[in-house]
Amino acid sequence: MPKFSERLVALRKQFGLTQKQLAGELGLHVRAVQNYEAGRLPDAEVLIELAKYFHVSIDYLVGLTDDPTPPRRNSSSDRDP
């Protein structure tokens, strides 16, 4: 399974973004994006923001699944009392 860094590079390129553009979109330093693409894992907050931005699941980003589909969010009417 691909590693996080490989998935991040692929998604960034798929969206037609440079490292600088992605950093700007997420309020990160360019060096942070470079570090993530070199193999450093971001903290949970950044993982969540990346998953939201690219419309994929965190499991997909970190290589636990090959299915990029994010989980369906439950509305309050879907929950058990």
PDB file of N, CA and C in Angstrom:
ATOM      1  N   MET A   1       0.840  -1.185   0.000  1.00  0.00           N
ATOM      2  CA  MET A   1       0.000   0.000   0.000  1.00  0.00           C
ATOM      3  C   MET A   1       0.886   1.249   0.000  1.00  0.00           C
ATOM      4  N   PRO A   2       0.482   2.277  -0.713  1.00  0.00           N
ATOM      5  CA  PRO A   2       1.275   3.507  -0.743  1.00  0.00           C
ATOM      6  C   PRO A   2       1.353   4.167   0.634  1.00  0.00           C
ATOM      7  N   LYS A   3       2.442   4.835   0.856  1.00  0.00           N
ATOM      8  CA  LYS A   3       2.628   5.579   2.092  1.00  0.00           C
ATOM      9  C   LYS A   3       1.944   6.935   1.994  1.00  0.00           C
ATOM     10  N   PHE A   4       1.810   7.566   3.167  1.00  0.00           N
ATOM     11  CA  PHE A   4       1.194   8.883   3.242  1.00  0.00           C
ATOM     12  C   PHE A   4       1.832   9.863   2.268  1.00  0.00           C
ATOM     13  N   SER A   5       3.161   9.906   2.251  1.00  0.00           N
ATOM     14  CA  SER A   5       3.854  10.886   1.405  1.00  0.00           C
ATOM     15  C   SER A   5       3.509  10.700  -0.067  1.00  0.00           C
ATOM     16  N   GLU A   6       3.413   9.448  -0.507  1.00  0.00           N
ATOM     17  CA  GLU A   6       3.068   9.166  -1.906  1.00  0.00           C
ATOM     18  C   GLU A   6       1.646   9.612  -2.212  1.00  0.00           C
ATOM     19  N   ARG A   7       0.742   9.355  -1.277  1.00  0.00           N
ATOM     20  CA  ARG A   7      -0.657   9.767  -1.477  1.00  0.00           C
ATOM     21  C   ARG A   7      -0.765  11.282  -1.521  1.00  0.00           C
ATOM     22  N   LEU A   8      -0.043  11.964  -0.636  1.00  0.00           N
ATOM     23  CA  LEU A   8      -0.113  13.422  -0.601  1.00  0.00           C
ATOM     24  C   LEU A   8       0.397  14.025  -1.905  1.00  0.00           C
ATOM     25  N   VAL A   9       1.519  13.533  -2.389  1.00  0.00           N
ATOM     26  CA  VAL A   9       2.067  14.037  -3.655  1.00  0.00           C
ATOM     27  C   VAL A   9       1.069  13.795  -4.788  1.00  0.00           C
ATOM     28  N   ALA A  10       0.518  12.595  -4.852  1.00  0.00           N
ATOM     29  CA  ALA A  10      -0.425  12.251  -5.921  1.00  0.00           C
ATOM     30  C   ALA A  10      -1.659  13.149  -5.870  1.00  0.00           C
ATOM     31  N   LEU A  11      -2.205  13.363  -4.680  1.00  0.00           N
ATOM     32  CA  LEU A  11      -3.398  14.208  -4.559  1.00  0.00           C
ATOM     33  C   LEU A  11      -3.084  15.658  -4.912  1.00  0.00           C
ATOM     34  N   ARG A  12      -1.953  16.142  -4.430  1.00  0.00           N
ATOM     35  CA  ARG A  12      -1.578  17.524  -4.741  1.00  0.00           C
ATOM     36  C   ARG A  12      -1.465  17.726  -6.248  1.00  0.00           C
ATOM     37  N   LYS A  13      -0.821  16.782  -6.911  1.00  0.00           N
ATOM     38  CA  LYS A  13      -0.658  16.885  -8.366  1.00  0.00           C
ATOM     39  C   LYS A  13      -1.985  16.724  -9.090  1.00  0.00           C
ATOM     40  N   GLN A  14      -2.819  15.820  -8.583  1.00  0.00           N
ATOM     41  CA  GLN A  14      -4.152  15.613  -9.175  1.00  0.00           C
ATOM     42  C   GLN A  14      -4.964  16.906  -9.118  1.00  0.00           C
ATOM     43  N   PHE A  15      -4.792  17.676  -8.056  1.00  0.00           N
ATOM     44  CA  PHE A  15      -5.495  18.942  -7.908  1.00  0.00           C
ATOM     45  C   PHE A  15      -4.759  20.082  -8.608  1.00  0.00           C
ATOM     46  N   GLY A  16      -3.621  19.785  -9.218  1.00  0.00           N
ATOM     47  CA  GLY A  16      -2.866  20.795  -9.966  1.00  0.00           C
ATOM     48  C   GLY A  16      -2.228  21.856  -9.099  1.00  0.00           C
ATOM     49  N   LEU A  17      -1.790  21.477  -7.908  1.00  0.00           N
ATOM     50  CA  LEU A  17      -1.220  22.429  -6.968  1.00  0.00           C
ATOM     51  C   LEU A  17       0.285  22.252  -6.812  1.00  0.00           C
ATOM     52  N   THR A  18       0.969  23.347  -6.581  1.00  0.00           N
ATOM     53  CA  THR A  18       2.368  23.282  -6.174  1.00  0.00           C
ATOM     54  C   THR A  18       2.392  23.108  -4.656  1.00  0.00           C
ATOM     55  N   GLN A  19       3.563  22.808  -4.128  1.00  0.00           N
ATOM     56  CA  GLN A  19       3.690  22.716  -2.676  1.00  0.00           C
ATOM     57  C   GLN A  19       3.335  24.053  -2.025  1.00  0.00           C
ATOM     58  N   LYS A  20       3.768  25.117  -2.633  1.00  0.00           N
ATOM     59  CA  LYS A  20       3.497  26.462  -2.103  1.00  0.00           C
ATOM     60  C   LYS A  20       1.993  26.754  -2.101  1.00  0.00           C
ATOM     61  N   GLN A  21       1.316  26.386  -3.177  1.00  0.00           N
ATOM     62  CA  GLN A  21      -0.123  26.621  -3.246  1.00  0.00           C
ATOM     63  C   GLN A  21      -0.873  25.810  -2.186  1.00  0.00           C
ATOM     64  N   LEU A  22      -0.495  24.542  -2.029  1.00  0.00           N
ATOM     65  CA  LEU A  22      -1.155  23.708  -1.024  1.00  0.00           C
ATOM     66  C   LEU A  22      -0.912  24.284   0.369  1.00  0.00           C
ATOM     67  N   ALA A  23       0.306  24.682   0.641  1.00  0.00           N
ATOM     68  CA  ALA A  23       0.618  25.288   1.936  1.00  0.00           C
ATOM     69  C   ALA A  23      -0.262  26.509   2.168  1.00  0.00           C
ATOM     70  N   GLY A  24      -0.386  27.355   1.158  1.00  0.00           N
ATOM     71  CA  GLY A  24      -1.215  28.549   1.281  1.00  0.00           C
ATOM     72  C   GLY A  24      -2.679  28.230   1.515  1.00  0.00           C
ATOM     73  N   GLU A  25      -3.193  27.231   0.830  1.00  0.00           N
ATOM     74  CA  GLU A  25      -4.595  26.834   0.981  1.00  0.00           C
ATOM     75  C   GLU A  25      -4.899  26.367   2.405  1.00  0.00           C
ATOM     76  N   LEU A  26      -3.921  25.720   3.040  1.00  0.00           N
ATOM     77  CA  LEU A  26      -4.148  25.138   4.363  1.00  0.00           C
ATOM     78  C   LEU A  26      -3.521  25.940   5.494  1.00  0.00           C
ATOM     79  N   GLY A  27      -2.891  27.069   5.161  1.00  0.00           N
ATOM     80  CA  GLY A  27      -2.273  27.888   6.193  1.00  0.00           C
ATOM     81  C   GLY A  27      -1.040  27.241   6.809  1.00  0.00           C
ATOM     82  N   LEU A  28      -0.297  26.508   5.985  1.00  0.00           N
ATOM     83  CA  LEU A  28       0.919  25.831   6.433  1.00  0.00           C
ATOM     84  C   LEU A  28       2.144  26.516   5.839  1.00  0.00           C
ATOM     85  N   HIS A  29       3.284  26.237   6.403  1.00  0.00           N
ATOM     86  CA  HIS A  29       4.537  26.677   5.802  1.00  0.00           C
ATOM     87  C   HIS A  29       4.881  25.709   4.669  1.00  0.00           C
ATOM     88  N   VAL A  30       5.492  26.210   3.625  1.00  0.00           N
ATOM     89  CA  VAL A  30       5.907  25.360   2.504  1.00  0.00           C
ATOM     90  C   VAL A  30       6.809  24.239   3.010  1.00  0.00           C
ATOM     91  N   ARG A  31       7.677  24.561   3.952  1.00  0.00           N
ATOM     92  CA  ARG A  31       8.594  23.552   4.500  1.00  0.00           C
ATOM     93  C   ARG A  31       7.822  22.397   5.132  1.00  0.00           C
ATOM     94  N   ALA A  32       6.675  22.675   5.732  1.00  0.00           N
ATOM     95  CA  ALA A  32       5.863  21.610   6.329  1.00  0.00           C
ATOM     96  C   ALA A  32       5.374  20.656   5.238  1.00  0.00           C
ATOM     97  N   VAL A  33       4.867  21.203   4.145  1.00  0.00           N
ATOM     98  CA  VAL A  33       4.405  20.365   3.040  1.00  0.00           C
ATOM     99  C   VAL A  33       5.579  19.559   2.486  1.00  0.00           C
ATOM    100  N   GLN A  34       6.723  20.186   2.336  1.00  0.00           N
ATOM    101  CA  GLN A  34       7.907  19.465   1.857  1.00  0.00           C
ATOM    102  C   GLN A  34       8.259  18.322   2.807  1.00  0.00           C
ATOM    103  N   ASN A  35       8.201  18.568   4.101  1.00  0.00           N
ATOM    104  CA  ASN A  35       8.494  17.523   5.084  1.00  0.00           C
ATOM    105  C   ASN A  35       7.488  16.376   4.995  1.00  0.00           C
ATOM    106  N   TYR A  36       6.225  16.695   4.846  1.00  0.00           N
ATOM    107  CA  TYR A  36       5.198  15.648   4.728  1.00  0.00           C
ATOM    108  C   TYR A  36       5.441  14.807   3.479  1.00  0.00           C
ATOM    109  N   GLU A  37       5.793  15.460   2.390  1.00  0.00           N
ATOM    110  CA  GLU A  37       6.042  14.727   1.149  1.00  0.00           C
ATOM    111  C   GLU A  37       7.339  13.935   1.202  1.00  0.00           C
ATOM    112  N   ALA A  38       8.217  14.282   2.129  1.00  0.00           N
ATOM    113  CA  ALA A  38       9.473  13.549   2.305  1.00  0.00           C
ATOM    114  C   ALA A  38       9.322  12.390   3.288  1.00  0.00           C
ATOM    115  N   GLY A  39       8.144  12.279   3.917  1.00  0.00           N
ATOM    116  CA  GLY A  39       7.911  11.139   4.793  1.00  0.00           C
ATOM    117  C   GLY A  39       7.511  11.432   6.216  1.00  0.00           C
ATOM    118  N   ARG A  40       7.536  12.680   6.625  1.00  0.00           N
ATOM    119  CA  ARG A  40       7.113  13.017   7.992  1.00  0.00           C
ATOM    120  C   ARG A  40       5.589  13.046   8.052  1.00  0.00           C
ATOM    121  N   LEU A  41       5.035  12.425   9.082  1.00  0.00           N
ATOM    122  CA  LEU A  41       3.578  12.437   9.255  1.00  0.00           C
ATOM    123  C   LEU A  41       3.157  13.709   9.980  1.00  0.00           C
ATOM    124  N   PRO A  42       2.090  14.342   9.511  1.00  0.00           N
ATOM    125  CA  PRO A  42       1.588  15.536  10.207  1.00  0.00           C
ATOM    126  C   PRO A  42       0.825  15.135  11.465  1.00  0.00           C
ATOM    127  N   ASP A  43       0.525  16.128  12.285  1.00  0.00           N
ATOM    128  CA  ASP A  43      -0.295  15.845  13.459  1.00  0.00           C
ATOM    129  C   ASP A  43      -1.747  15.627  13.020  1.00  0.00           C
ATOM    130  N   ALA A  44      -2.571  15.225  13.961  1.00  0.00           N
ATOM    131  CA  ALA A  44      -3.967  14.876  13.657  1.00  0.00           C
ATOM    132  C   ALA A  44      -4.735  16.034  13.034  1.00  0.00           C
ATOM    133  N   GLU A  45      -4.515  17.259  13.537  1.00  0.00           N
ATOM    134  CA  GLU A  45      -5.218  18.424  12.987  1.00  0.00           C
ATOM    135  C   GLU A  45      -4.952  18.600  11.506  1.00  0.00           C
ATOM    136  N   VAL A  46      -3.689  18.476  11.121  1.00  0.00           N
ATOM    137  CA  VAL A  46      -3.318  18.650   9.714  1.00  0.00           C
ATOM    138  C   VAL A  46      -3.865  17.494   8.882  1.00  0.00           C
ATOM    139  N   LEU A  47      -3.826  16.277   9.403  1.00  0.00           N
ATOM    140  CA  LEU A  47      -4.408  15.136   8.678  1.00  0.00           C
ATOM    141  C   LEU A  47      -5.882  15.389   8.389  1.00  0.00           C
ATOM    142  N   ILE A  48      -6.591  15.894   9.380  1.00  0.00           N
ATOM    143  CA  ILE A  48      -8.018  16.184   9.203  1.00  0.00           C
ATOM    144  C   ILE A  48      -8.211  17.236   8.123  1.00  0.00           C
ATOM    145  N   GLU A  49      -7.418  18.300   8.164  1.00  0.00           N
ATOM    146  CA  GLU A  49      -7.541  19.366   7.161  1.00  0.00           C
ATOM    147  C   GLU A  49      -7.209  18.862   5.762  1.00  0.00           C
ATOM    148  N   LEU A  50      -6.182  18.035   5.643  1.00  0.00           N
ATOM    149  CA  LEU A  50      -5.831  17.467   4.335  1.00  0.00           C
ATOM    150  C   LEU A  50      -6.957  16.583   3.809  1.00  0.00           C
ATOM    151  N   ALA A  51      -7.514  15.755   4.675  1.00  0.00           N
ATOM    152  CA  ALA A  51      -8.605  14.867   4.264  1.00  0.00           C
ATOM    153  C   ALA A  51      -9.813  15.679   3.801  1.00  0.00           C
ATOM    154  N   LYS A  52     -10.147  16.722   4.548  1.00  0.00           N
ATOM    155  CA  LYS A  52     -11.274  17.582   4.154  1.00  0.00           C
ATOM    156  C   LYS A  52     -10.983  18.272   2.816  1.00  0.00           C
ATOM    157  N   TYR A  53      -9.781  18.824   2.696  1.00  0.00           N
ATOM    158  CA  TYR A  53      -9.426  19.574   1.491  1.00  0.00           C
ATOM    159  C   TYR A  53      -9.495  18.698   0.243  1.00  0.00           C
ATOM    160  N   PHE A  54      -8.942  17.484   0.345  1.00  0.00           N
ATOM    161  CA  PHE A  54      -8.901  16.595  -0.815  1.00  0.00           C
ATOM    162  C   PHE A  54     -10.127  15.685  -0.924  1.00  0.00           C
ATOM    163  N   HIS A  55     -11.068  15.793   0.030  1.00  0.00           N
ATOM    164  CA  HIS A  55     -12.297  14.991   0.016  1.00  0.00           C
ATOM    165  C   HIS A  55     -11.992  13.490   0.027  1.00  0.00           C
ATOM    166  N   VAL A  56     -11.088  13.098   0.912  1.00  0.00           N
ATOM    167  CA  VAL A  56     -10.730  11.688   1.078  1.00  0.00           C
ATOM    168  C   VAL A  56     -10.749  11.358   2.575  1.00  0.00           C
ATOM    169  N   SER A  57     -10.677  10.076   2.882  1.00  0.00           N
ATOM    170  CA  SER A  57     -10.626   9.675   4.288  1.00  0.00           C
ATOM    171  C   SER A  57      -9.188   9.743   4.802  1.00  0.00           C
ATOM    172  N   ILE A  58      -9.051   9.871   6.102  1.00  0.00           N
ATOM    173  CA  ILE A  58      -7.724   9.838   6.711  1.00  0.00           C
ATOM    174  C   ILE A  58      -7.112   8.459   6.502  1.00  0.00           C
ATOM    175  N   ASP A  59      -7.933   7.412   6.580  1.00  0.00           N
ATOM    176  CA  ASP A  59      -7.426   6.052   6.342  1.00  0.00           C
ATOM    177  C   ASP A  59      -6.791   5.951   4.962  1.00  0.00           C
ATOM    178  N   TYR A  60      -7.381   6.604   3.984  1.00  0.00           N
ATOM    179  CA  TYR A  60      -6.805   6.604   2.635  1.00  0.00           C
ATOM    180  C   TYR A  60      -5.474   7.351   2.631  1.00  0.00           C
ATOM    181  N   LEU A  61      -5.450   8.517   3.261  1.00  0.00           N
ATOM    182  CA  LEU A  61      -4.224   9.316   3.281  1.00  0.00           C
ATOM    183  C   LEU A  61      -3.049   8.557   3.877  1.00  0.00           C
ATOM    184  N   VAL A  62      -3.296   7.815   4.956  1.00  0.00           N
ATOM    185  CA  VAL A  62      -2.187   7.132   5.632  1.00  0.00           C
ATOM    186  C   VAL A  62      -1.949   5.720   5.116  1.00  0.00           C
ATOM    187  N   GLY A  63      -2.716   5.304   4.119  1.00  0.00           N
ATOM    188  CA  GLY A  63      -2.459   4.020   3.478  1.00  0.00           C
ATOM    189  C   GLY A  63      -3.121   2.817   4.111  1.00  0.00           C
ATOM    190  N   LEU A  64      -4.136   3.034   4.958  1.00  0.00           N
ATOM    191  CA  LEU A  64      -4.833   1.906   5.565  1.00  0.00           C
ATOM    192  C   LEU A  64      -5.878   1.297   4.638  1.00  0.00           C
ATOM    193  N   THR A  65      -6.281   2.054   3.638  1.00  0.00           N
ATOM    194  CA  THR A  65      -7.244   1.575   2.658  1.00  0.00           C
ATOM    195  C   THR A  65      -6.921   2.191   1.308  1.00  0.00           C
ATOM    196  N   ASP A  66      -7.370   1.523   0.270  1.00  0.00           N
ATOM    197  CA  ASP A  66      -7.219   2.077  -1.074  1.00  0.00           C
ATOM    198  C   ASP A  66      -8.487   2.798  -1.526  1.00  0.00           C
ATOM    199  N   ASP A  67      -9.500   2.826  -0.657  1.00  0.00           N
ATOM    200  CA  ASP A  67     -10.762   3.505  -0.952  1.00  0.00           C
ATOM    201  C   ASP A  67     -10.685   4.933  -0.430  1.00  0.00           C
ATOM    202  N   PRO A  68     -10.646   5.915  -1.316  1.00  0.00           N
ATOM    203  CA  PRO A  68     -10.510   7.302  -0.864  1.00  0.00           C
ATOM    204  C   PRO A  68     -11.791   7.914  -0.298  1.00  0.00           C
ATOM    205  N   THR A  69     -12.916   7.226  -0.428  1.00  0.00           N
ATOM    206  CA  THR A  69     -14.200   7.776  -0.016  1.00  0.00           C
ATOM    207  C   THR A  69     -14.226   8.081   1.475  1.00  0.00           C
ATOM    208  N   PRO A  70     -14.504   9.332   1.824  1.00  0.00           N
ATOM    209  CA  PRO A  70     -14.594   9.647   3.249  1.00  0.00           C
ATOM    210  C   PRO A  70     -15.832   8.997   3.865  1.00  0.00           C
ATOM    211  N   PRO A  71     -15.791   8.731   5.166  1.00  0.00           N
ATOM    212  CA  PRO A  71     -16.966   8.131   5.801  1.00  0.00           C
ATOM    213  C   PRO A  71     -18.140   9.084   5.763  1.00  0.00           C
ATOM    214  N   ARG A  72     -19.314   8.523   5.716  1.00  0.00           N
ATOM    215  CA  ARG A  72     -20.534   9.325   5.710  1.00  0.00           C
ATOM    216  C   ARG A  72     -20.746   9.880   7.107  1.00  0.00           C
ATOM    217  N   ARG A  73     -21.026  11.145   7.193  1.00  0.00           N
ATOM    218  CA  ARG A  73     -21.306  11.771   8.493  1.00  0.00           C
ATOM    219  C   ARG A  73     -22.739  11.486   8.887  1.00  0.00           C
ATOM    220  N   ASN A  74     -22.924  11.149  10.140  1.00  0.00           N
ATOM    221  CA  ASN A  74     -24.262  10.911  10.669  1.00  0.00           C
ATOM    222  C   ASN A  74     -24.892  12.234  11.047  1.00  0.00           C
ATOM    223  N   SER A  75     -26.161  12.373  10.677  1.00  0.00           N
ATOM    224  CA  SER A  75     -26.901  13.548  11.155  1.00  0.00           C
ATOM    225  C   SER A  75     -27.532  13.153  12.469  1.00  0.00           C
ATOM    226  N   SER A  76     -28.028  14.097  13.202  1.00  0.00           N
ATOM    227  CA  SER A  76     -28.618  13.800  14.506  1.00  0.00           C
ATOM    228  C   SER A  76     -29.804  12.864  14.372  1.00  0.00           C
ATOM    229  N   SER A  77     -30.487  12.868  13.225  1.00  0.00           N
ATOM    230  CA  SER A  77     -31.635  11.980  13.036  1.00  0.00           C
ATOM    231  C   SER A  77     -31.202  10.547  12.759  1.00  0.00           C
ATOM    232  N   ASP A  78     -29.925  10.333  12.401  1.00  0.00           N
ATOM    233  CA  ASP A  78     -29.431   8.991  12.146  1.00  0.00           C
ATOM    234  C   ASP A  78     -28.968   8.269  13.414  1.00  0.00           C
ATOM    235  N   ARG A  79     -28.783   9.017  14.498  1.00  0.00           N
ATOM    236  CA  ARG A  79     -28.266   8.443  15.729  1.00  0.00           C
ATOM    237  C   ARG A  79     -29.355   7.772  16.539  1.00  0.00           C
ATOM    238  N   ASP A  80     -28.928   6.760  17.291  1.00  0.00           N
ATOM    239  CA  ASP A  80     -29.864   6.106  18.200  1.00  0.00           C
ATOM    240  C   ASP A  80     -30.077   6.991  19.408  1.00  0.00           C
ATOM    241  N   PRO A  81     -31.277   6.969  19.978  1.00  0.00           N
ATOM    242  CA  PRO A  81     -31.563   7.808  21.162  1.00  0.00           C
ATOM    243  C   PRO A  81     -30.759   7.381  22.360  1.00  0.00           C
TER     244      PRO A  81
END
